[in-house]
C-alpha atoms as a PDB file:
ATOM      1  CA  MET A   1       0.103  -0.087   0.013  1.00  0.00           C
ATOM      2  CA  THR A   2       1.446   3.437  -0.910  1.00  0.00           C
ATOM      3  CA  ALA A   3       1.095   6.348   1.582  1.00  0.00           C
ATOM      4  CA  VAL A   4      -0.553   9.336   0.302  1.00  0.00           C
ATOM      5  CA  LEU A   5       1.303  12.610   1.473  1.00  0.00           C
ATOM      6  CA  ALA A   6      -0.640  15.639   2.369  1.00  0.00           C
ATOM      7  CA  PRO A   7       0.186  18.752   0.372  1.00  0.00           C
ATOM      8  CA  SER A   8       2.539  21.095   2.145  1.00  0.00           C
ATOM      9  CA  ARG A   9       1.043  24.308   3.820  1.00  0.00           C
ATOM     10  CA  ALA A  10       2.811  26.173   1.191  1.00  0.00           C
ATOM     11  CA  VAL A  11       0.946  24.523  -1.702  1.00  0.00           C
ATOM     12  CA  LEU A  12      -2.399  24.733   0.123  1.00  0.00           C
ATOM     13  CA  ALA A  13      -1.570  28.494   0.822  1.00  0.00           C
ATOM     14  CA  ARG A  14      -0.958  28.976  -2.839  1.00  0.00           C
ATOM     15  CA  SER A  15      -4.507  27.459  -3.711  1.00  0.00           C
ATOM     16  CA  VAL A  16      -6.155  29.600  -0.969  1.00  0.00           C
ATOM     17  CA  ALA A  17      -4.341  32.790  -2.336  1.00  0.00           C
ATOM     18  CA  ALA A  18      -5.254  31.841  -5.866  1.00  0.00           C
ATOM     19  CA  SER A  19      -9.078  31.413  -5.000  1.00  0.00           C
ATOM     20  CA  LEU A  20      -9.108  34.833  -3.172  1.00  0.00           C
ATOM     21  CA  ILE A  21      -6.814  37.079  -5.253  1.00  0.00           C
ATOM     22  CA  GLY A  22      -5.807  35.027  -8.285  1.00  0.00           C
ATOM     23  CA  ASP A  23      -7.822  37.290 -10.529  1.00  0.00           C
ATOM     24  CA  SER A  24      -6.540  40.516  -8.977  1.00  0.00           C
ATOM     25  CA  GLY A  25      -3.856  41.367 -11.638  1.00  0.00           C
ATOM     26  CA  ASN A  26      -0.906  43.160  -9.915  1.00  0.00           C
ATOM     27  CA  ARG A  27      -1.932  41.956  -6.605  1.00  0.00           C
ATOM     28  CA  TRP A  28      -1.450  38.405  -7.643  1.00  0.00           C
ATOM     29  CA  LYS A  29       1.795  39.184  -9.461  1.00  0.00           C
ATOM     30  CA  HIS A  30       3.128  40.794  -6.346  1.00  0.00           C
ATOM     31  CA  THR A  31       2.006  37.864  -4.140  1.00  0.00           C
ATOM     32  CA  ALA A  32       3.536  35.338  -6.458  1.00  0.00           C
ATOM     33  CA  GLY A  33       6.794  37.403  -6.550  1.00  0.00           C
ATOM     34  CA  VAL A  34       6.900  37.707  -2.682  1.00  0.00           C
ATOM     35  CA  ALA A  35       6.378  33.692  -2.489  1.00  0.00           C
ATOM     36  CA  GLU A  36       9.249  33.305  -4.905  1.00  0.00           C
ATOM     37  CA  ARG A  37      11.491  35.600  -2.810  1.00  0.00           C
ATOM     38  CA  ALA A  38      10.487  33.987   0.379  1.00  0.00           C
ATOM     39  CA  ALA A  39      11.429  30.636  -0.990  1.00  0.00           C
ATOM     40  CA  GLU A  40      14.991  32.127  -1.730  1.00  0.00           C
ATOM     41  CA  LEU A  41      15.259  33.649   1.680  1.00  0.00           C
ATOM     42  CA  ALA A  42      14.135  30.319   3.456  1.00  0.00           C
ATOM     43  CA  ALA A  43      17.005  28.438   1.643  1.00  0.00           C
ATOM     44  CA  ARG A  44      19.615  31.165   2.300  1.00  0.00           C
ATOM     45  CA  LEU A  45      18.553  31.942   5.861  1.00  0.00           C
ATOM     46  CA  ASP A  46      17.911  28.228   7.020  1.00  0.00           C
ATOM     47  CA  LEU A  47      14.337  28.953   7.807  1.00  0.00           C
ATOM     48  CA  ASP A  48      11.388  26.462   7.362  1.00  0.00           C
ATOM     49  CA  PRO A  49      10.218  27.070   3.852  1.00  0.00           C
ATOM     50  CA  ASP A  50       6.801  25.561   4.311  1.00  0.00           C
ATOM     51  CA  VAL A  51       6.129  28.215   6.948  1.00  0.00           C
ATOM     52  CA  LEU A  52       7.656  31.281   5.267  1.00  0.00           C
ATOM     53  CA  VAL A  53       6.367  30.564   1.882  1.00  0.00           C
ATOM     54  CA  ALA A  54       2.957  29.750   3.061  1.00  0.00           C
ATOM     55  CA  ALA A  55       2.933  33.056   4.908  1.00  0.00           C
ATOM     56  CA  ALA A  56       4.187  34.775   1.683  1.00  0.00           C
ATOM     57  CA  TRP A  57       1.329  33.412  -0.266  1.00  0.00           C
ATOM     58  CA  LEU A  58      -1.184  34.497   2.294  1.00  0.00           C
ATOM     59  CA  HIS A  59       0.314  37.876   3.292  1.00  0.00           C
ATOM     60  CA  ASP A  60      -2.121  39.957   1.037  1.00  0.00           C
ATOM     61  CA  ILE A  61      -5.353  37.722   0.934  1.00  0.00           C
ATOM     62  CA  GLY A  62      -7.011  40.356   3.439  1.00  0.00           C
ATOM     63  CA  TYR A  63      -7.502  42.642   0.280  1.00  0.00           C
ATOM     64  CA  ALA A  64      -9.965  40.035  -1.141  1.00  0.00           C
ATOM     65  CA  GLU A  65     -13.531  41.601  -1.026  1.00  0.00           C
ATOM     66  CA  PRO A  66     -15.139  38.453   0.466  1.00  0.00           C
ATOM     67  CA  ILE A  67     -12.957  38.459   3.556  1.00  0.00           C
ATOM     68  CA  ALA A  68     -12.352  42.096   4.055  1.00  0.00           C
ATOM     69  CA  LEU A  69     -14.163  43.021   7.257  1.00  0.00           C
ATOM     70  CA  THR A  70     -12.183  46.140   8.632  1.00  0.00           C
ATOM     71  CA  GLY A  71     -10.259  47.274   5.401  1.00  0.00           C
ATOM     72  CA  PHE A  72      -6.965  46.623   7.095  1.00  0.00           C
ATOM     73  CA  HIS A  73      -5.666  43.807   5.021  1.00  0.00           C
ATOM     74  CA  PRO A  74      -3.206  42.221   7.501  1.00  0.00           C
ATOM     75  CA  LEU A  75      -5.831  41.824  10.265  1.00  0.00           C
ATOM     76  CA  ASP A  76      -8.611  40.773   7.762  1.00  0.00           C
ATOM     77  CA  GLY A  77      -6.253  38.134   6.402  1.00  0.00           C
ATOM     78  CA  ALA A  78      -5.199  36.686   9.729  1.00  0.00           C
ATOM     79  CA  VAL A  79      -8.685  36.578  11.016  1.00  0.00           C
ATOM     80  CA  HIS A  80      -9.728  34.711   7.922  1.00  0.00           C
ATOM     81  CA  LEU A  81      -6.897  32.249   8.418  1.00  0.00           C
ATOM     82  CA  SER A  82      -7.610  31.797  11.984  1.00  0.00           C
ATOM     83  CA  ALA A  83     -11.234  30.968  11.092  1.00  0.00           C
ATOM     84  CA  GLU A  84     -10.186  28.565   8.663  1.00  0.00           C
ATOM     85  CA  GLY A  85      -7.981  26.572  11.096  1.00  0.00           C
ATOM     86  CA  TRP A  86      -4.461  27.812   9.734  1.00  0.00           C
ATOM     87  CA  PRO A  87      -1.670  27.558  12.399  1.00  0.00           C
ATOM     88  CA  ALA A  88      -1.590  30.657  14.720  1.00  0.00           C
ATOM     89  CA  ARG A  89       2.010  31.179  13.657  1.00  0.00           C
ATOM     90  CA  ILE A  90       1.166  31.656  10.059  1.00  0.00           C
ATOM     91  CA  ALA A  91      -2.021  33.823  10.995  1.00  0.00           C
ATOM     92  CA  GLY A  92       0.412  35.949  13.114  1.00  0.00           C
ATOM     93  CA  LEU A  93       3.066  36.305  10.544  1.00  0.00           C
ATOM     94  CA  VAL A  94       0.162  37.628   8.102  1.00  0.00           C
ATOM     95  CA  ALA A  95      -1.191  39.886  10.812  1.00  0.00           C
ATOM     96  CA  TYR A  96       2.093  41.633  11.465  1.00  0.00           C
ATOM     97  CA  HIS A  97       3.790  41.794   8.017  1.00  0.00           C
ATOM     98  CA  SER A  98       5.683  44.706   7.022  1.00  0.00           C
ATOM     99  CA  GLY A  99       5.119  46.823  10.157  1.00  0.00           C
ATOM    100  CA  ALA A 100       1.514  46.410  10.174  1.00  0.00           C
ATOM    101  CA  ARG A 101       1.561  46.854  14.063  1.00  0.00           C
ATOM    102  CA  PHE A 102       2.104  50.716  13.425  1.00  0.00           C
ATOM    103  CA  VAL A 103      -0.848  51.083  10.986  1.00  0.00           C
ATOM    104  CA  GLY A 104      -2.972  48.806  13.130  1.00  0.00           C
ATOM    105  CA  ALA A 105      -2.328  50.893  16.351  1.00  0.00           C
ATOM    106  CA  ALA A 106      -3.090  54.134  14.590  1.00  0.00           C
ATOM    107  CA  ARG A 107      -6.255  52.792  13.057  1.00  0.00           C
ATOM    108  CA  GLY A 108      -7.432  51.499  16.460  1.00  0.00           C
ATOM    109  CA  PHE A 109      -6.948  47.774  15.577  1.00  0.00           C
ATOM    110  CA  GLY A 110      -4.183  47.199  18.279  1.00  0.00           C
ATOM    111  CA  GLU A 111      -6.368  44.999  20.470  1.00  0.00           C
ATOM    112  CA  GLN A 112      -7.758  42.983  17.609  1.00  0.00           C
ATOM    113  CA  LEU A 113      -4.068  42.347  16.347  1.00  0.00           C
ATOM    114  CA  ALA A 114      -3.153  41.248  19.821  1.00  0.00           C
ATOM    115  CA  ALA A 115      -5.164  38.230  19.419  1.00  0.00           C
ATOM    116  CA  PHE A 116      -2.415  36.976  17.063  1.00  0.00           C
ATOM    117  CA  PRO A 117       1.261  35.927  17.868  1.00  0.00           C
ATOM    118  CA  ASP A 118       3.755  38.643  17.257  1.00  0.00           C
ATOM    119  CA  GLU A 119       6.929  36.751  17.082  1.00  0.00           C
ATOM    120  CA  ARG A 120       9.410  39.281  16.045  1.00  0.00           C
ATOM    121  CA  SER A 121      11.836  36.701  14.663  1.00  0.00           C
ATOM    122  CA  LEU A 122      13.947  36.134  11.796  1.00  0.00           C
ATOM    123  CA  MET A 123      10.924  34.546  10.129  1.00  0.00           C
ATOM    124  CA  ALA A 124       8.841  37.434  10.299  1.00  0.00           C
ATOM    125  CA  ASP A 125      11.781  39.739   9.205  1.00  0.00           C
ATOM    126  CA  ALA A 126      12.121  37.394   6.069  1.00  0.00           C
ATOM    127  CA  LEU A 127       8.418  37.796   5.219  1.00  0.00           C
ATOM    128  CA  THR A 128       8.662  41.528   5.615  1.00  0.00           C
ATOM    129  CA  TYR A 129      11.898  41.550   3.516  1.00  0.00           C
ATOM    130  CA  ALA A 130      10.309  39.626   0.842  1.00  0.00           C
ATOM    131  CA  ASP A 131       7.409  41.717   0.802  1.00  0.00           C
ATOM    132  CA  GLN A 132       9.325  44.805   0.800  1.00  0.00           C
ATOM    133  CA  THR A 133      11.719  43.864  -2.025  1.00  0.00           C
ATOM    134  CA  VAL A 134       9.078  42.945  -4.614  1.00  0.00           C
ATOM    135  CA  GLY A 135       7.049  45.762  -6.308  1.00  0.00           C
ATOM    136  CA  PRO A 136       3.348  45.888  -6.999  1.00  0.00           C
ATOM    137  CA  ALA A 137       3.722  44.188 -10.405  1.00  0.00           C
ATOM    138  CA  GLY A 138       6.000  41.419  -9.029  1.00  0.00           C
ATOM    139  CA  ALA A 139       9.380  42.773 -10.130  1.00  0.00           C
ATOM    140  CA  ARG A 140      12.337  42.886  -7.630  1.00  0.00           C
ATOM    141  CA  VAL A 141      13.002  46.285  -6.066  1.00  0.00           C
ATOM    142  CA  ASP A 142      15.274  47.599  -3.164  1.00  0.00           C
ATOM    143  CA  THR A 143      13.358  48.417   0.042  1.00  0.00           C
ATOM    144  CA  GLU A 144      13.806  52.274  -0.429  1.00  0.00           C
ATOM    145  CA  THR A 145      12.124  52.174  -3.804  1.00  0.00           C
ATOM    146  CA  ARG A 146       9.298  49.951  -2.606  1.00  0.00           C
ATOM    147  CA  TYR A 147       8.645  52.220   0.191  1.00  0.00           C
ATOM    148  CA  THR A 148       8.764  55.375  -1.839  1.00  0.00           C
ATOM    149  CA  GLU A 149       6.513  53.866  -4.449  1.00  0.00           C
ATOM    150  CA  MET A 150       4.061  52.666  -1.769  1.00  0.00           C
ATOM    151  CA  LEU A 151       3.699  56.240  -0.372  1.00  0.00           C
ATOM    152  CA  HIS A 152       3.379  57.764  -3.685  1.00  0.00           C
ATOM    153  CA  ARG A 153       0.596  55.260  -4.704  1.00  0.00           C
ATOM    154  CA  GLN A 154      -1.235  55.644  -1.431  1.00  0.00           C
ATOM    155  CA  GLY A 155      -0.658  59.306  -0.910  1.00  0.00           C
ATOM    156  CA  PRO A 156       0.582  61.728   1.624  1.00  0.00           C
ATOM    157  CA  CYS A 157      -2.585  61.297   3.882  1.00  0.00           C
ATOM    158  CA  SER A 158      -2.661  57.444   3.926  1.00  0.00           C
ATOM    159  CA  TRP A 159      -2.250  55.547   7.135  1.00  0.00           C
ATOM    160  CA  ASN A 160       1.216  54.409   5.870  1.00  0.00           C
ATOM    161  CA  ALA A 161       2.369  58.021   5.641  1.00  0.00           C
ATOM    162  CA  LYS A 162       0.869  58.887   9.094  1.00  0.00           C
ATOM    163  CA  VAL A 163       2.924  56.337  10.791  1.00  0.00           C
ATOM    164  CA  GLY A 164       5.893  56.788   8.618  1.00  0.00           C
ATOM    165  CA  ALA A 165       8.182  58.168  11.300  1.00  0.00           C
ATOM    166  CA  ALA A 166       7.803  54.905  13.263  1.00  0.00           C
ATOM    167  CA  ARG A 167       7.282  52.306  10.388  1.00  0.00           C
ATOM    168  CA  ARG A 168      10.004  53.334   8.058  1.00  0.00           C
ATOM    169  CA  PRO A 169      12.947  52.947  10.598  1.00  0.00           C
ATOM    170  CA  HIS A 170      11.271  49.701  11.495  1.00  0.00           C
ATOM    171  CA  LEU A 171      11.433  48.534   7.871  1.00  0.00           C
ATOM    172  CA  ARG A 172      14.892  49.806   7.485  1.00  0.00           C
ATOM    173  CA  ALA A 173      16.180  47.925  10.608  1.00  0.00           C
ATOM    174  CA  ILE A 174      14.552  44.579   9.117  1.00  0.00           C
ATOM    175  CA  ALA A 175      16.233  45.245   5.844  1.00  0.00           C
ATOM    176  CA  ALA A 176      19.524  45.792   7.579  1.00  0.00           C
ATOM    177  CA  ARG A 177      19.364  42.614   9.640  1.00  0.00           C
ATOM    178  CA  VAL A 178      18.344  40.481   6.706  1.00  0.00           C
ATOM    179  CA  GLU A 179      20.927  41.821   4.388  1.00  0.00           C
ATOM    180  CA  HIS A 180      23.631  41.475   6.894  1.00  0.00           C
ATOM    181  CA  LEU A 181      22.686  37.742   7.236  1.00  0.00           C
ATOM    182  CA  LEU A 182      22.530  37.467   3.504  1.00  0.00           C
ATOM    183  CA  ALA A 183      26.144  38.815   3.032  1.00  0.00           C
ATOM    184  CA  VAL A 184      27.698  36.479   5.763  1.00  0.00           C
END
């Protein structure tokens, strides 16, 4: 009798992301690029690729209209993942990716975010770095270009602009940590 292997979380995550945002054009291209980057980072940084790549595929599902409850995509994605039985770690990585804690606090979602684990680890840094080194159309960019493009796209009155004094140094510190490890 041959054993049937269950699909990996990363494979399942890709399927979930495809069902929710697969027809979203650039959002899908960005997500696929982040997942590809995450796979490379997992190999180079000796991280569990199943966790990191799954979180990368799922990081922007909160933009999907059917699951957007608050309009804050990291929280909406994490709430959906939790409700669907995904591991708390993956939901937490989605909830806090790319400095979401700063925007969440400013928007009054701090208490709701606190329901998810905020591991502040190399795994979390790698997810943020992957997100911050892939542009909206899936192309590789440096972190400063990505941040500048995001502010230009969202505008000077966006929540990201409002918390930029705290969020930008946070993202720069993550980039410095990851790039240091990649250079070793």
